[in-house]
Amino acid sequence: MAHLTAFYLEAHDCLSTVLPTFWGPAEHLPRDEDGMVAPSAVLWPTPGTVRTRADGTTTSGRVEGLRLVLVGPDVLSVLEAVDMARAVLVGKRMRASGRGGGPVTESGFAPGEPQPEPGTDPVRVSVSVTLSAITKETTA
């Protein structure tokens, strides 16, 4: 697995306290007692963006982006998973953000509402939520 910054690992650990959490792609998710897909989170880290000053020099900060795909057997369970993810991540100041780093913020929905995933058996419904935070860590 490629190098993951401490931010992504910390986000995974926080989210896994409320939902089964996996790195993408996750073809096999846990099932509930009825054999349906259990509400889960699949994380897709982004490469992040190095912050620059107006004069073009880099700073010690980065903007880390994290796409969460919340999955469940139906729309209501997916929306509940979104609420659970937001509760543990949005507004949290990650240790990995360092002194001067910012809290996790929600960057928006894409595509906007839970949708059934084609070709899945049992049925899987999912929605994507994008989160970001400014971190002050340095990466190798």
C-alpha atoms as a PDB file:
ATOM      1  CA  MET A   1       0.000   0.000   0.000  1.00  0.00           C
ATOM      2  CA  ALA A   2       1.279   3.437  -0.873  1.00  0.00           C
ATOM      3  CA  HIS A   3       2.382   5.741   1.916  1.00  0.00           C
ATOM      4  CA  LEU A   4      -0.606   7.106   3.794  1.00  0.00           C
ATOM      5  CA  THR A   5      -0.193  10.222   5.873  1.00  0.00           C
ATOM      6  CA  ALA A   6      -1.027  10.163   9.550  1.00  0.00           C
ATOM      7  CA  PHE A   7      -4.173  12.184   8.776  1.00  0.00           C
ATOM      8  CA  TYR A   8      -5.713   9.352   6.734  1.00  0.00           C
ATOM      9  CA  LEU A   9      -4.791   6.717   9.287  1.00  0.00           C
ATOM     10  CA  GLU A  10      -6.274   8.800  12.105  1.00  0.00           C
ATOM     11  CA  ALA A  11      -9.475   9.398  10.104  1.00  0.00           C
ATOM     12  CA  HIS A  12      -9.745   5.631   9.496  1.00  0.00           C
ATOM     13  CA  ASP A  13      -9.297   4.930  13.218  1.00  0.00           C
ATOM     14  CA  CYS A  14     -11.959   7.501  14.209  1.00  0.00           C
ATOM     15  CA  LEU A  15     -14.465   6.233  11.678  1.00  0.00           C
ATOM     16  CA  SER A  16     -13.904   2.593  12.590  1.00  0.00           C
ATOM     17  CA  THR A  17     -15.239   3.319  16.096  1.00  0.00           C
ATOM     18  CA  VAL A  18     -18.742   3.733  14.629  1.00  0.00           C
ATOM     19  CA  LEU A  19     -18.763   1.801  11.319  1.00  0.00           C
ATOM     20  CA  PRO A  20     -16.875  -1.072   9.718  1.00  0.00           C
ATOM     21  CA  THR A  21     -14.249   0.868   7.746  1.00  0.00           C
ATOM     22  CA  PHE A  22     -12.192  -0.211   4.723  1.00  0.00           C
ATOM     23  CA  TRP A  23      -9.740   1.297   2.243  1.00  0.00           C
ATOM     24  CA  GLY A  24     -11.095   1.378  -1.306  1.00  0.00           C
ATOM     25  CA  PRO A  25     -11.793  -0.551  -3.326  1.00  0.00           C
ATOM     26  CA  ALA A  26     -13.812  -2.815  -1.042  1.00  0.00           C
ATOM     27  CA  GLU A  27     -15.641  -5.447  -3.053  1.00  0.00           C
ATOM     28  CA  HIS A  28     -16.580  -7.575  -0.037  1.00  0.00           C
ATOM     29  CA  LEU A  29     -18.326  -5.759   2.791  1.00  0.00           C
ATOM     30  CA  PRO A  30     -19.791  -7.281   5.966  1.00  0.00           C
ATOM     31  CA  ARG A  31     -23.372  -8.504   5.952  1.00  0.00           C
ATOM     32  CA  ASP A  32     -26.045  -8.177   8.603  1.00  0.00           C
ATOM     33  CA  GLU A  33     -28.086 -11.026  10.085  1.00  0.00           C
ATOM     34  CA  ASP A  34     -30.481 -10.911   7.105  1.00  0.00           C
ATOM     35  CA  GLY A  35     -27.648 -11.328   4.585  1.00  0.00           C
ATOM     36  CA  MET A  36     -27.841  -7.685   3.442  1.00  0.00           C
ATOM     37  CA  VAL A  37     -24.818  -5.399   3.247  1.00  0.00           C
ATOM     38  CA  ALA A  38     -24.152  -3.909   6.671  1.00  0.00           C
ATOM     39  CA  PRO A  39     -23.693  -0.134   6.851  1.00  0.00           C
ATOM     40  CA  SER A  40     -19.996   0.496   6.218  1.00  0.00           C
ATOM     41  CA  ALA A  41     -17.502   3.146   5.159  1.00  0.00           C
ATOM     42  CA  VAL A  42     -15.005   2.863   2.319  1.00  0.00           C
ATOM     43  CA  LEU A  43     -12.217   5.453   2.377  1.00  0.00           C
ATOM     44  CA  TRP A  44     -10.475   6.840  -0.690  1.00  0.00           C
ATOM     45  CA  PRO A  45      -7.556   9.135   0.246  1.00  0.00           C
ATOM     46  CA  THR A  46      -6.596  11.848  -2.230  1.00  0.00           C
ATOM     47  CA  PRO A  47      -3.033  12.951  -2.973  1.00  0.00           C
ATOM     48  CA  GLY A  48      -3.651  16.175  -1.066  1.00  0.00           C
ATOM     49  CA  THR A  49      -2.492  19.610  -2.128  1.00  0.00           C
ATOM     50  CA  VAL A  50       0.647  21.393  -0.985  1.00  0.00           C
ATOM     51  CA  ARG A  51      -0.173  24.912   0.145  1.00  0.00           C
ATOM     52  CA  THR A  52       1.806  27.717  -1.467  1.00  0.00           C
ATOM     53  CA  ARG A  53       2.375  31.369  -0.686  1.00  0.00           C
ATOM     54  CA  ALA A  54       1.553  34.153  -3.126  1.00  0.00           C
ATOM     55  CA  ASP A  55       5.238  34.318  -4.087  1.00  0.00           C
ATOM     56  CA  GLY A  56       5.115  30.646  -5.133  1.00  0.00           C
ATOM     57  CA  THR A  57       7.134  29.233  -2.249  1.00  0.00           C
ATOM     58  CA  THR A  58       5.676  26.271  -0.399  1.00  0.00           C
ATOM     59  CA  THR A  59       4.573  26.289   3.207  1.00  0.00           C
ATOM     60  CA  SER A  60       4.705  23.422   5.653  1.00  0.00           C
ATOM     61  CA  GLY A  61       0.977  22.819   5.247  1.00  0.00           C
ATOM     62  CA  ARG A  62      -1.104  20.605   3.015  1.00  0.00           C
ATOM     63  CA  VAL A  63      -4.802  20.314   2.342  1.00  0.00           C
ATOM     64  CA  GLU A  64      -5.685  16.666   2.816  1.00  0.00           C
ATOM     65  CA  GLY A  65      -8.798  15.364   1.067  1.00  0.00           C
ATOM     66  CA  LEU A  66     -10.655  12.195   1.911  1.00  0.00           C
ATOM     67  CA  ARG A  67     -13.585  10.735  -0.021  1.00  0.00           C
ATOM     68  CA  LEU A  68     -15.879   8.575   2.100  1.00  0.00           C
ATOM     69  CA  VAL A  69     -18.254   6.218   0.361  1.00  0.00           C
ATOM     70  CA  LEU A  70     -20.961   5.289   2.848  1.00  0.00           C
ATOM     71  CA  VAL A  71     -22.652   2.013   1.972  1.00  0.00           C
ATOM     72  CA  GLY A  72     -25.711   0.140   3.206  1.00  0.00           C
ATOM     73  CA  PRO A  73     -28.655  -2.009   2.137  1.00  0.00           C
ATOM     74  CA  ASP A  74     -31.031   0.933   1.625  1.00  0.00           C
ATOM     75  CA  VAL A  75     -31.206   4.725   1.517  1.00  0.00           C
ATOM     76  CA  LEU A  76     -32.135   5.218   5.177  1.00  0.00           C
ATOM     77  CA  SER A  77     -29.249   3.092   6.462  1.00  0.00           C
ATOM     78  CA  VAL A  78     -26.828   5.007   4.221  1.00  0.00           C
ATOM     79  CA  LEU A  79     -28.120   8.340   5.534  1.00  0.00           C
ATOM     80  CA  GLU A  80     -27.668   7.046   9.087  1.00  0.00           C
ATOM     81  CA  ALA A  81     -24.090   6.044   8.206  1.00  0.00           C
ATOM     82  CA  VAL A  82     -23.486   9.597   6.869  1.00  0.00           C
ATOM     83  CA  ASP A  83     -24.687  11.028  10.194  1.00  0.00           C
ATOM     84  CA  MET A  84     -22.407   8.657  12.117  1.00  0.00           C
ATOM     85  CA  ALA A  85     -19.385   9.575   9.976  1.00  0.00           C
ATOM     86  CA  ARG A  86     -20.056  13.298  10.341  1.00  0.00           C
ATOM     87  CA  ALA A  87     -20.434  12.972  14.105  1.00  0.00           C
ATOM     88  CA  VAL A  88     -16.946  11.522  14.562  1.00  0.00           C
ATOM     89  CA  LEU A  89     -15.050  13.435  11.863  1.00  0.00           C
ATOM     90  CA  VAL A  90     -16.542  16.837  10.941  1.00  0.00           C
ATOM     91  CA  GLY A  91     -15.179  19.555  13.222  1.00  0.00           C
ATOM     92  CA  LYS A  92     -12.574  17.261  14.748  1.00  0.00           C
ATOM     93  CA  ARG A  93      -9.058  18.631  14.926  1.00  0.00           C
ATOM     94  CA  MET A  94      -6.900  15.617  14.133  1.00  0.00           C
ATOM     95  CA  ARG A  95      -3.669  15.112  16.042  1.00  0.00           C
ATOM     96  CA  ALA A  96      -2.051  14.674  12.625  1.00  0.00           C
ATOM     97  CA  SER A  97      -3.126  18.199  11.634  1.00  0.00           C
ATOM     98  CA  GLY A  98      -0.429  19.546  13.922  1.00  0.00           C
ATOM     99  CA  ARG A  99      -0.242  22.903  15.618  1.00  0.00           C
ATOM    100  CA  GLY A 100      -1.873  25.438  13.330  1.00  0.00           C
ATOM    101  CA  GLY A 101      -3.741  22.813  11.311  1.00  0.00           C
ATOM    102  CA  GLY A 102      -7.469  23.061  10.801  1.00  0.00           C
ATOM    103  CA  PRO A 103     -10.465  20.940  11.726  1.00  0.00           C
ATOM    104  CA  VAL A 104     -12.030  18.453   9.334  1.00  0.00           C
ATOM    105  CA  THR A 105     -14.646  20.114   7.146  1.00  0.00           C
ATOM    106  CA  GLU A 106     -17.175  18.690   4.711  1.00  0.00           C
ATOM    107  CA  SER A 107     -16.505  19.651   1.125  1.00  0.00           C
ATOM    108  CA  GLY A 108     -19.773  18.421  -0.340  1.00  0.00           C
ATOM    109  CA  PHE A 109     -21.701  15.537  -1.832  1.00  0.00           C
ATOM    110  CA  ALA A 110     -21.088  13.805  -5.136  1.00  0.00           C
ATOM    111  CA  PRO A 111     -23.436  12.794  -6.748  1.00  0.00           C
ATOM    112  CA  GLY A 112     -25.751  14.183  -4.087  1.00  0.00           C
ATOM    113  CA  GLU A 113     -28.074  11.429  -2.959  1.00  0.00           C
ATOM    114  CA  PRO A 114     -27.732   7.735  -2.158  1.00  0.00           C
ATOM    115  CA  GLN A 115     -27.837   5.586  -5.288  1.00  0.00           C
ATOM    116  CA  PRO A 116     -28.008   1.813  -5.796  1.00  0.00           C
ATOM    117  CA  GLU A 117     -24.707   0.403  -7.060  1.00  0.00           C
ATOM    118  CA  PRO A 118     -25.200  -1.489 -10.324  1.00  0.00           C
ATOM    119  CA  GLY A 119     -24.493  -5.208 -10.424  1.00  0.00           C
ATOM    120  CA  THR A 120     -24.248  -5.804  -6.678  1.00  0.00           C
ATOM    121  CA  ASP A 121     -25.810  -8.803  -4.972  1.00  0.00           C
ATOM    122  CA  PRO A 122     -27.091  -8.253  -2.365  1.00  0.00           C
ATOM    123  CA  VAL A 123     -28.183  -4.726  -3.224  1.00  0.00           C
ATOM    124  CA  ARG A 124     -25.773  -1.988  -2.152  1.00  0.00           C
ATOM    125  CA  VAL A 125     -26.761   1.664  -1.896  1.00  0.00           C
ATOM    126  CA  SER A 126     -24.052   4.287  -1.471  1.00  0.00           C
ATOM    127  CA  VAL A 127     -23.312   7.998  -1.304  1.00  0.00           C
ATOM    128  CA  SER A 128     -20.018   9.832  -1.419  1.00  0.00           C
ATOM    129  CA  VAL A 129     -18.989  12.544   1.042  1.00  0.00           C
ATOM    130  CA  THR A 130     -15.766  14.535   0.647  1.00  0.00           C
ATOM    131  CA  LEU A 131     -13.913  15.810   3.702  1.00  0.00           C
ATOM    132  CA  SER A 132     -10.775  17.925   3.972  1.00  0.00           C
ATOM    133  CA  ALA A 133      -8.461  19.503   6.518  1.00  0.00           C
ATOM    134  CA  ILE A 134      -5.328  21.618   6.522  1.00  0.00           C
ATOM    135  CA  THR A 135      -2.445  19.700   8.031  1.00  0.00           C
ATOM    136  CA  LYS A 136       0.941  20.967   9.136  1.00  0.00           C
ATOM    137  CA  GLU A 137       2.747  17.658   8.884  1.00  0.00           C
ATOM    138  CA  THR A 138       5.523  17.044   6.416  1.00  0.00           C
ATOM    139  CA  THR A 139       5.486  14.009   4.161  1.00  0.00           C
ATOM    140  CA  ALA A 140       8.346  12.030   2.721  1.00  0.00           C
END
